[in-house]
Amino acid sequence: MIIDCHCHAGPGDGLSGPWDSDAPLQAYLRRAQTAGIARSVLFAAFHSDYAIANHGVARIVASDPQRFYGYAFVHARRDRGRIMDLVRTAVERYGFVGIKAHRLDARISGEVCDAARFFGLPVLYDPAGEVAVAELLAQQYPDVNFILPHLGSFGDDWAAQLALIDHLVRHPNIHADSSGVRRFDLLQQAVRRAGPHKILFGSDGPWLHPGLELHKIHLLGLPPLDAALITGGNFLRLSRLSRLA
């Protein structure tokens, strides 16, 4: 069962680009089905109010709960003081299985990590190249699993991605996803040095083609059991859903 751990969906209320506008799934779902992707993890695009955005994602997840998982998007600074409530709603009312935060909103905070610890959730945090934060997360929250997408930098920052590989090797609770990684040798190095249990397949849909992103995993030429960890097993383990594997 192939699971895409990184897909945006639902309403956006900005117009600066696709990243803060509506994220429709029609084309993505056609492409994912053709590629053999069975399930997808959904979270909002950038939004001025993540309570509204998370509700929009919840409606999509509820429309096909056998196809979708949900993550609660939070803004570490703007949502200060209500992050626990946002995550509680997402978990108890929507059935979400993780938290999403982004450095372009604000740097991750202890409040976000405390909510993840309380509910036993993984955190997918995009550090936008500031990968040194992995050291602090690993030290202060060793019982919380973190996924740093794009191997740490969607901006194709070679130095940041290379540095993140060292964190993947050293820290059991630091993971990465493969979405948008353009330097194949670094993705290959991350799997070789840190192990296939530290990398998750993600597409950054609906904007990147899920079939193209998945093909990068196939090109790694891994043994079937190692490839299965990356394409679904690791997500299920970190989300405590391994019984569904």
C-alpha atoms as a PDB file:
ATOM      1  CA  MET A   1       0.000   0.000   0.000  1.00  0.00           C
ATOM      2  CA  ILE A   2       1.673   3.186  -1.208  1.00  0.00           C
ATOM      3  CA  ILE A   3       0.954   6.266   0.911  1.00  0.00           C
ATOM      4  CA  ASP A   4       1.809   9.832  -0.087  1.00  0.00           C
ATOM      5  CA  CYS A   5       2.679  11.517   3.204  1.00  0.00           C
ATOM      6  CA  HIS A   6       2.660  15.083   1.880  1.00  0.00           C
ATOM      7  CA  CYS A   7      -0.281  16.593   0.008  1.00  0.00           C
ATOM      8  CA  HIS A   8      -2.009  19.952   0.430  1.00  0.00           C
ATOM      9  CA  ALA A   9      -5.757  20.255   0.016  1.00  0.00           C
ATOM     10  CA  GLY A  10      -8.744  22.437   0.698  1.00  0.00           C
ATOM     11  CA  PRO A  11      -9.433  26.143   0.878  1.00  0.00           C
ATOM     12  CA  GLY A  12      -6.893  28.933   0.761  1.00  0.00           C
ATOM     13  CA  ASP A  13      -7.642  32.594   1.349  1.00  0.00           C
ATOM     14  CA  GLY A  14      -4.611  34.235  -0.202  1.00  0.00           C
ATOM     15  CA  LEU A  15      -3.773  35.021  -3.786  1.00  0.00           C
ATOM     16  CA  SER A  16      -0.009  35.325  -3.771  1.00  0.00           C
ATOM     17  CA  GLY A  17       0.414  31.917  -5.401  1.00  0.00           C
ATOM     18  CA  PRO A  18      -0.844  28.314  -5.369  1.00  0.00           C
ATOM     19  CA  TRP A  19       0.639  27.799  -1.914  1.00  0.00           C
ATOM     20  CA  ASP A  20      -1.954  30.051  -0.212  1.00  0.00           C
ATOM     21  CA  SER A  21      -4.850  29.620  -2.640  1.00  0.00           C
ATOM     22  CA  ASP A  22      -7.341  26.793  -3.046  1.00  0.00           C
ATOM     23  CA  ALA A  23      -5.703  23.372  -3.496  1.00  0.00           C
ATOM     24  CA  PRO A  24      -8.074  21.190  -5.569  1.00  0.00           C
ATOM     25  CA  LEU A  25      -7.373  17.469  -5.774  1.00  0.00           C
ATOM     26  CA  GLN A  26      -9.043  16.347  -8.998  1.00  0.00           C
ATOM     27  CA  ALA A  27      -5.919  16.191 -11.175  1.00  0.00           C
ATOM     28  CA  TYR A  28      -3.786  14.976  -8.271  1.00  0.00           C
ATOM     29  CA  LEU A  29      -6.107  12.037  -7.574  1.00  0.00           C
ATOM     30  CA  ARG A  30      -6.093  10.951 -11.218  1.00  0.00           C
ATOM     31  CA  ARG A  31      -2.319  11.042 -11.286  1.00  0.00           C
ATOM     32  CA  ALA A  32      -2.001   9.282  -7.928  1.00  0.00           C
ATOM     33  CA  GLN A  33      -4.317   6.489  -9.012  1.00  0.00           C
ATOM     34  CA  THR A  34      -2.344   5.966 -12.202  1.00  0.00           C
ATOM     35  CA  ALA A  35       0.859   5.792 -10.150  1.00  0.00           C
ATOM     36  CA  GLY A  36      -0.592   3.207  -7.772  1.00  0.00           C
ATOM     37  CA  ILE A  37      -0.787   5.509  -4.749  1.00  0.00           C
ATOM     38  CA  ALA A  38      -3.529   4.143  -2.495  1.00  0.00           C
ATOM     39  CA  ARG A  39      -3.728   6.781   0.246  1.00  0.00           C
ATOM     40  CA  SER A  40      -2.670  10.363   0.860  1.00  0.00           C
ATOM     41  CA  VAL A  41      -1.981  12.522   3.893  1.00  0.00           C
ATOM     42  CA  LEU A  42      -3.731  15.868   3.535  1.00  0.00           C
ATOM     43  CA  PHE A  43      -3.093  19.200   5.188  1.00  0.00           C
ATOM     44  CA  ALA A  44      -4.028  22.749   4.360  1.00  0.00           C
ATOM     45  CA  ALA A  45      -2.334  25.268   2.151  1.00  0.00           C
ATOM     46  CA  PHE A  46      -1.129  28.449   3.870  1.00  0.00           C
ATOM     47  CA  HIS A  47      -4.119  30.195   5.416  1.00  0.00           C
ATOM     48  CA  SER A  48      -4.852  33.191   7.644  1.00  0.00           C
ATOM     49  CA  ASP A  49      -6.886  31.026  10.028  1.00  0.00           C
ATOM     50  CA  TYR A  50      -5.904  27.391  10.383  1.00  0.00           C
ATOM     51  CA  ALA A  51      -9.040  26.526  12.337  1.00  0.00           C
ATOM     52  CA  ILE A  52     -10.982  27.264   9.151  1.00  0.00           C
ATOM     53  CA  ALA A  53      -8.429  25.569   6.911  1.00  0.00           C
ATOM     54  CA  ASN A  54      -8.284  22.423   9.058  1.00  0.00           C
ATOM     55  CA  HIS A  55     -12.071  22.195   8.981  1.00  0.00           C
ATOM     56  CA  GLY A  56     -11.936  22.327   5.203  1.00  0.00           C
ATOM     57  CA  VAL A  57      -9.391  19.511   5.126  1.00  0.00           C
ATOM     58  CA  ALA A  58     -11.508  17.515   7.592  1.00  0.00           C
ATOM     59  CA  ARG A  59     -14.462  17.644   5.201  1.00  0.00           C
ATOM     60  CA  ILE A  60     -12.304  16.186   2.430  1.00  0.00           C
ATOM     61  CA  VAL A  61     -10.949  13.453   4.711  1.00  0.00           C
ATOM     62  CA  ALA A  62     -14.478  12.606   5.872  1.00  0.00           C
ATOM     63  CA  SER A  63     -15.605  12.287   2.265  1.00  0.00           C
ATOM     64  CA  ASP A  64     -13.347   9.243   1.833  1.00  0.00           C
ATOM     65  CA  PRO A  65     -11.747   8.132   5.117  1.00  0.00           C
ATOM     66  CA  GLN A  66     -10.386   4.979   3.480  1.00  0.00           C
ATOM     67  CA  ARG A  67      -8.398   7.168   1.069  1.00  0.00           C
ATOM     68  CA  PHE A  68      -7.242  10.110   3.185  1.00  0.00           C
ATOM     69  CA  TYR A  69      -5.488  10.885   6.450  1.00  0.00           C
ATOM     70  CA  GLY A  70      -5.438  14.394   7.925  1.00  0.00           C
ATOM     71  CA  TYR A  71      -2.805  16.559   9.617  1.00  0.00           C
ATOM     72  CA  ALA A  72      -3.616  19.686  11.617  1.00  0.00           C
ATOM     73  CA  PHE A  73      -1.847  22.777  10.288  1.00  0.00           C
ATOM     74  CA  VAL A  74      -0.884  25.267  13.014  1.00  0.00           C
ATOM     75  CA  HIS A  75       0.885  28.635  13.074  1.00  0.00           C
ATOM     76  CA  ALA A  76       3.368  28.601  15.947  1.00  0.00           C
ATOM     77  CA  ARG A  77       3.190  32.364  16.534  1.00  0.00           C
ATOM     78  CA  ARG A  78      -0.303  33.422  15.466  1.00  0.00           C
ATOM     79  CA  ASP A  79      -1.974  30.425  17.118  1.00  0.00           C
ATOM     80  CA  ARG A  80      -0.041  30.831  20.346  1.00  0.00           C
ATOM     81  CA  GLY A  81      -2.248  29.922  23.288  1.00  0.00           C
ATOM     82  CA  ARG A  82      -4.714  27.892  21.234  1.00  0.00           C
ATOM     83  CA  ILE A  83      -2.527  25.257  19.601  1.00  0.00           C
ATOM     84  CA  MET A  84      -3.578  22.578  22.076  1.00  0.00           C
ATOM     85  CA  ASP A  85      -7.232  23.367  21.338  1.00  0.00           C
ATOM     86  CA  LEU A  86      -6.663  23.290  17.581  1.00  0.00           C
ATOM     87  CA  VAL A  87      -4.920  19.938  17.797  1.00  0.00           C
ATOM     88  CA  ARG A  88      -7.506  18.532  20.195  1.00  0.00           C
ATOM     89  CA  THR A  89     -10.276  19.412  17.749  1.00  0.00           C
ATOM     90  CA  ALA A  90      -8.306  17.891  14.900  1.00  0.00           C
ATOM     91  CA  VAL A  91      -7.677  14.647  16.780  1.00  0.00           C
ATOM     92  CA  GLU A  92     -10.921  14.140  18.675  1.00  0.00           C
ATOM     93  CA  ARG A  93     -13.403  15.559  16.159  1.00  0.00           C
ATOM     94  CA  TYR A  94     -11.670  15.072  12.804  1.00  0.00           C
ATOM     95  CA  GLY A  95      -9.580  11.967  13.498  1.00  0.00           C
ATOM     96  CA  PHE A  96      -6.355  13.601  12.295  1.00  0.00           C
ATOM     97  CA  VAL A  97      -3.100  11.739  12.884  1.00  0.00           C
ATOM     98  CA  GLY A  98      -0.391  14.418  12.838  1.00  0.00           C
ATOM     99  CA  ILE A  99       0.575  18.095  13.014  1.00  0.00           C
ATOM    100  CA  LYS A 100       1.943  20.314  10.235  1.00  0.00           C
ATOM    101  CA  ALA A 101       3.882  23.558  10.733  1.00  0.00           C
ATOM    102  CA  HIS A 102       5.995  25.679   8.416  1.00  0.00           C
ATOM    103  CA  ARG A 103       8.940  28.001   8.987  1.00  0.00           C
ATOM    104  CA  LEU A 104       7.519  30.522   6.498  1.00  0.00           C
ATOM    105  CA  ASP A 105       4.696  31.017   9.011  1.00  0.00           C
ATOM    106  CA  ALA A 106       6.910  30.964  12.095  1.00  0.00           C
ATOM    107  CA  ARG A 107       9.631  28.884  13.693  1.00  0.00           C
ATOM    108  CA  ILE A 108       8.343  25.800  15.471  1.00  0.00           C
ATOM    109  CA  SER A 109       7.616  26.340  19.163  1.00  0.00           C
ATOM    110  CA  GLY A 110       7.566  24.318  22.344  1.00  0.00           C
ATOM    111  CA  GLU A 111       3.798  24.698  22.365  1.00  0.00           C
ATOM    112  CA  VAL A 112       3.555  22.808  19.067  1.00  0.00           C
ATOM    113  CA  CYS A 113       5.881  20.097  20.320  1.00  0.00           C
ATOM    114  CA  ASP A 114       4.055  19.816  23.648  1.00  0.00           C
ATOM    115  CA  ALA A 115       0.770  19.253  21.812  1.00  0.00           C
ATOM    116  CA  ALA A 116       2.404  16.565  19.698  1.00  0.00           C
ATOM    117  CA  ARG A 117       3.764  14.877  22.803  1.00  0.00           C
ATOM    118  CA  PHE A 118       0.422  15.049  24.613  1.00  0.00           C
ATOM    119  CA  PHE A 119      -1.511  13.442  21.757  1.00  0.00           C
ATOM    120  CA  GLY A 120       1.286  11.137  20.602  1.00  0.00           C
ATOM    121  CA  LEU A 121       1.439  12.658  17.110  1.00  0.00           C
ATOM    122  CA  PRO A 122       4.267  13.112  14.612  1.00  0.00           C
ATOM    123  CA  VAL A 123       5.083  16.649  13.491  1.00  0.00           C
ATOM    124  CA  LEU A 124       5.807  17.445   9.858  1.00  0.00           C
ATOM    125  CA  TYR A 125       7.759  20.686  10.153  1.00  0.00           C
ATOM    126  CA  ASP A 126       9.215  22.414   7.114  1.00  0.00           C
ATOM    127  CA  PRO A 127      12.291  24.306   8.355  1.00  0.00           C
ATOM    128  CA  ALA A 128      12.821  26.020   4.980  1.00  0.00           C
ATOM    129  CA  GLY A 129      16.531  25.211   5.153  1.00  0.00           C
ATOM    130  CA  GLU A 130      17.050  25.948   8.856  1.00  0.00           C
ATOM    131  CA  VAL A 131      17.885  22.321   9.574  1.00  0.00           C
ATOM    132  CA  ALA A 132      19.964  22.988  12.708  1.00  0.00           C
ATOM    133  CA  VAL A 133      16.653  23.022  14.574  1.00  0.00           C
ATOM    134  CA  ALA A 134      16.705  19.219  14.266  1.00  0.00           C
ATOM    135  CA  GLU A 135      19.395  19.144  16.949  1.00  0.00           C
ATOM    136  CA  LEU A 136      17.192  21.052  19.397  1.00  0.00           C
ATOM    137  CA  LEU A 137      14.092  19.023  18.581  1.00  0.00           C
ATOM    138  CA  ALA A 138      15.972  15.777  19.092  1.00  0.00           C
ATOM    139  CA  GLN A 139      17.424  16.899  22.417  1.00  0.00           C
ATOM    140  CA  GLN A 140      14.356  18.498  23.962  1.00  0.00           C
ATOM    141  CA  TYR A 141      11.645  16.243  22.515  1.00  0.00           C
ATOM    142  CA  PRO A 142      13.218  12.809  22.056  1.00  0.00           C
ATOM    143  CA  ASP A 143       9.802  11.176  22.486  1.00  0.00           C
ATOM    144  CA  VAL A 144       8.234  13.124  19.576  1.00  0.00           C
ATOM    145  CA  ASN A 145       8.801  12.082  15.967  1.00  0.00           C
ATOM    146  CA  PHE A 146       9.589  14.873  13.512  1.00  0.00           C
ATOM    147  CA  ILE A 147       9.441  14.723   9.717  1.00  0.00           C
ATOM    148  CA  LEU A 148      11.385  17.464   7.926  1.00  0.00           C
ATOM    149  CA  PRO A 149      10.053  17.510   4.356  1.00  0.00           C
ATOM    150  CA  HIS A 150      12.026  18.068   1.164  1.00  0.00           C
ATOM    151  CA  LEU A 151      15.099  16.680   2.958  1.00  0.00           C
ATOM    152  CA  GLY A 152      15.076  19.971   4.835  1.00  0.00           C
ATOM    153  CA  SER A 153      14.831  22.464   1.967  1.00  0.00           C
ATOM    154  CA  PHE A 154      12.333  22.846  -0.847  1.00  0.00           C
ATOM    155  CA  GLY A 155      14.581  25.653  -2.060  1.00  0.00           C
ATOM    156  CA  ASP A 156      17.187  23.124  -3.254  1.00  0.00           C
ATOM    157  CA  ASP A 157      19.698  24.209  -0.604  1.00  0.00           C
ATOM    158  CA  TRP A 158      22.411  21.583  -1.048  1.00  0.00           C
ATOM    159  CA  ALA A 159      24.220  22.520   2.153  1.00  0.00           C
ATOM    160  CA  ALA A 160      21.056  22.310   4.251  1.00  0.00           C
ATOM    161  CA  GLN A 161      20.028  18.975   2.769  1.00  0.00           C
ATOM    162  CA  LEU A 162      23.488  17.544   3.288  1.00  0.00           C
ATOM    163  CA  ALA A 163      23.502  18.739   6.891  1.00  0.00           C
ATOM    164  CA  LEU A 164      20.100  17.186   7.530  1.00  0.00           C
ATOM    165  CA  ILE A 165      21.431  13.776   6.541  1.00  0.00           C
ATOM    166  CA  ASP A 166      23.794  13.941   9.527  1.00  0.00           C
ATOM    167  CA  HIS A 167      20.815  14.628  11.818  1.00  0.00           C
ATOM    168  CA  LEU A 168      18.924  11.708  10.296  1.00  0.00           C
ATOM    169  CA  VAL A 169      21.855   9.439  11.069  1.00  0.00           C
ATOM    170  CA  ARG A 170      22.349  10.620  14.643  1.00  0.00           C
ATOM    171  CA  HIS A 171      18.825  11.160  15.959  1.00  0.00           C
ATOM    172  CA  PRO A 172      16.232   8.361  16.112  1.00  0.00           C
ATOM    173  CA  ASN A 173      13.257  10.761  16.119  1.00  0.00           C
ATOM    174  CA  ILE A 174      14.310  12.888  13.115  1.00  0.00           C
ATOM    175  CA  HIS A 175      12.976  11.821   9.718  1.00  0.00           C
ATOM    176  CA  ALA A 176      12.645  13.388   6.277  1.00  0.00           C
ATOM    177  CA  ASP A 177      10.351  13.115   3.310  1.00  0.00           C
ATOM    178  CA  SER A 178      11.336  12.925  -0.333  1.00  0.00           C
ATOM    179  CA  SER A 179       8.969  15.509  -1.792  1.00  0.00           C
ATOM    180  CA  GLY A 180      10.554  17.996  -4.147  1.00  0.00           C
ATOM    181  CA  VAL A 181      14.104  16.718  -3.635  1.00  0.00           C
ATOM    182  CA  ARG A 182      15.839  17.529  -6.911  1.00  0.00           C
ATOM    183  CA  ARG A 183      19.343  16.297  -6.107  1.00  0.00           C
ATOM    184  CA  PHE A 184      18.917  12.543  -6.473  1.00  0.00           C
ATOM    185  CA  ASP A 185      22.394  11.775  -5.123  1.00  0.00           C
ATOM    186  CA  LEU A 186      21.459  13.387  -1.808  1.00  0.00           C
ATOM    187  CA  LEU A 187      18.260  11.355  -1.570  1.00  0.00           C
ATOM    188  CA  GLN A 188      20.270   8.241  -2.323  1.00  0.00           C
ATOM    189  CA  GLN A 189      22.855   9.206   0.295  1.00  0.00           C
ATOM    190  CA  ALA A 190      20.170   9.828   2.914  1.00  0.00           C
ATOM    191  CA  VAL A 191      18.747   6.342   2.449  1.00  0.00           C
ATOM    192  CA  ARG A 192      22.180   4.718   2.420  1.00  0.00           C
ATOM    193  CA  ARG A 193      23.513   6.495   5.516  1.00  0.00           C
ATOM    194  CA  ALA A 194      20.412   6.906   7.671  1.00  0.00           C
ATOM    195  CA  GLY A 195      18.521   3.845   6.470  1.00  0.00           C
ATOM    196  CA  PRO A 196      15.201   3.390   4.673  1.00  0.00           C
ATOM    197  CA  HIS A 197      13.353   3.619   7.991  1.00  0.00           C
ATOM    198  CA  LYS A 198      14.171   7.342   8.175  1.00  0.00           C
ATOM    199  CA  ILE A 199      12.696   8.491   4.824  1.00  0.00           C
ATOM    200  CA  LEU A 200       9.031   8.867   3.849  1.00  0.00           C
ATOM    201  CA  PHE A 201       7.670   9.186   0.348  1.00  0.00           C
ATOM    202  CA  GLY A 202       5.843  12.460  -0.241  1.00  0.00           C
ATOM    203  CA  SER A 203       4.835  14.323  -3.369  1.00  0.00           C
ATOM    204  CA  ASP A 204       3.964  17.870  -2.233  1.00  0.00           C
ATOM    205  CA  GLY A 205       0.779  17.459  -4.226  1.00  0.00           C
ATOM    206  CA  PRO A 206      -1.323  18.733  -5.761  1.00  0.00           C
ATOM    207  CA  TRP A 207       1.354  20.986  -7.222  1.00  0.00           C
ATOM    208  CA  LEU A 208       4.030  18.361  -7.917  1.00  0.00           C
ATOM    209  CA  HIS A 209       3.185  15.240  -9.896  1.00  0.00           C
ATOM    210  CA  PRO A 210       2.840  12.291  -7.481  1.00  0.00           C
ATOM    211  CA  GLY A 211       3.858   9.779 -10.138  1.00  0.00           C
ATOM    212  CA  LEU A 212       7.064  11.650 -10.874  1.00  0.00           C
ATOM    213  CA  GLU A 213       7.910  11.963  -7.178  1.00  0.00           C
ATOM    214  CA  LEU A 214       7.203   8.258  -6.608  1.00  0.00           C
ATOM    215  CA  HIS A 215       9.414   7.297  -9.541  1.00  0.00           C
ATOM    216  CA  LYS A 216      12.401   8.750  -7.678  1.00  0.00           C
ATOM    217  CA  ILE A 217      11.820   6.147  -4.970  1.00  0.00           C
ATOM    218  CA  HIS A 218      11.640   3.372  -7.556  1.00  0.00           C
ATOM    219  CA  LEU A 219      14.912   4.601  -9.062  1.00  0.00           C
ATOM    220  CA  LEU A 220      16.676   4.043  -5.742  1.00  0.00           C
ATOM    221  CA  GLY A 221      16.586   0.340  -6.623  1.00  0.00           C
ATOM    222  CA  LEU A 222      15.950  -0.783  -3.063  1.00  0.00           C
ATOM    223  CA  PRO A 223      14.993  -4.280  -1.920  1.00  0.00           C
ATOM    224  CA  PRO A 224      11.180  -4.565  -1.795  1.00  0.00           C
ATOM    225  CA  LEU A 225      10.934  -4.482   2.008  1.00  0.00           C
ATOM    226  CA  ASP A 226      13.114  -1.349   2.230  1.00  0.00           C
ATOM    227  CA  ALA A 227      11.107   0.377  -0.496  1.00  0.00           C
ATOM    228  CA  ALA A 228       7.880  -0.546   1.302  1.00  0.00           C
ATOM    229  CA  LEU A 229       9.096   1.274   4.417  1.00  0.00           C
ATOM    230  CA  ILE A 230       9.578   4.484   2.453  1.00  0.00           C
ATOM    231  CA  THR A 231       6.342   4.239   0.482  1.00  0.00           C
ATOM    232  CA  GLY A 232       4.045   3.624   3.434  1.00  0.00           C
ATOM    233  CA  GLY A 233       5.447   1.601   6.296  1.00  0.00           C
ATOM    234  CA  ASN A 234       7.287   4.461   7.959  1.00  0.00           C
ATOM    235  CA  PHE A 235       4.235   6.711   7.882  1.00  0.00           C
ATOM    236  CA  LEU A 236       2.066   4.020   9.432  1.00  0.00           C
ATOM    237  CA  ARG A 237       4.647   3.380  12.156  1.00  0.00           C
ATOM    238  CA  LEU A 238       5.135   7.040  13.060  1.00  0.00           C
ATOM    239  CA  SER A 239       1.377   7.634  13.037  1.00  0.00           C
ATOM    240  CA  ARG A 240       0.814   4.541  15.182  1.00  0.00           C
ATOM    241  CA  LEU A 241      -1.240   3.001  12.421  1.00  0.00           C
ATOM    242  CA  SER A 242       1.002  -0.005  11.793  1.00  0.00           C
ATOM    243  CA  ARG A 243      -1.934  -2.355  12.245  1.00  0.00           C
ATOM    244  CA  LEU A 244      -3.159  -1.109   8.853  1.00  0.00           C
ATOM    245  CA  ALA A 245       0.062  -2.057   7.056  1.00  0.00           C
END
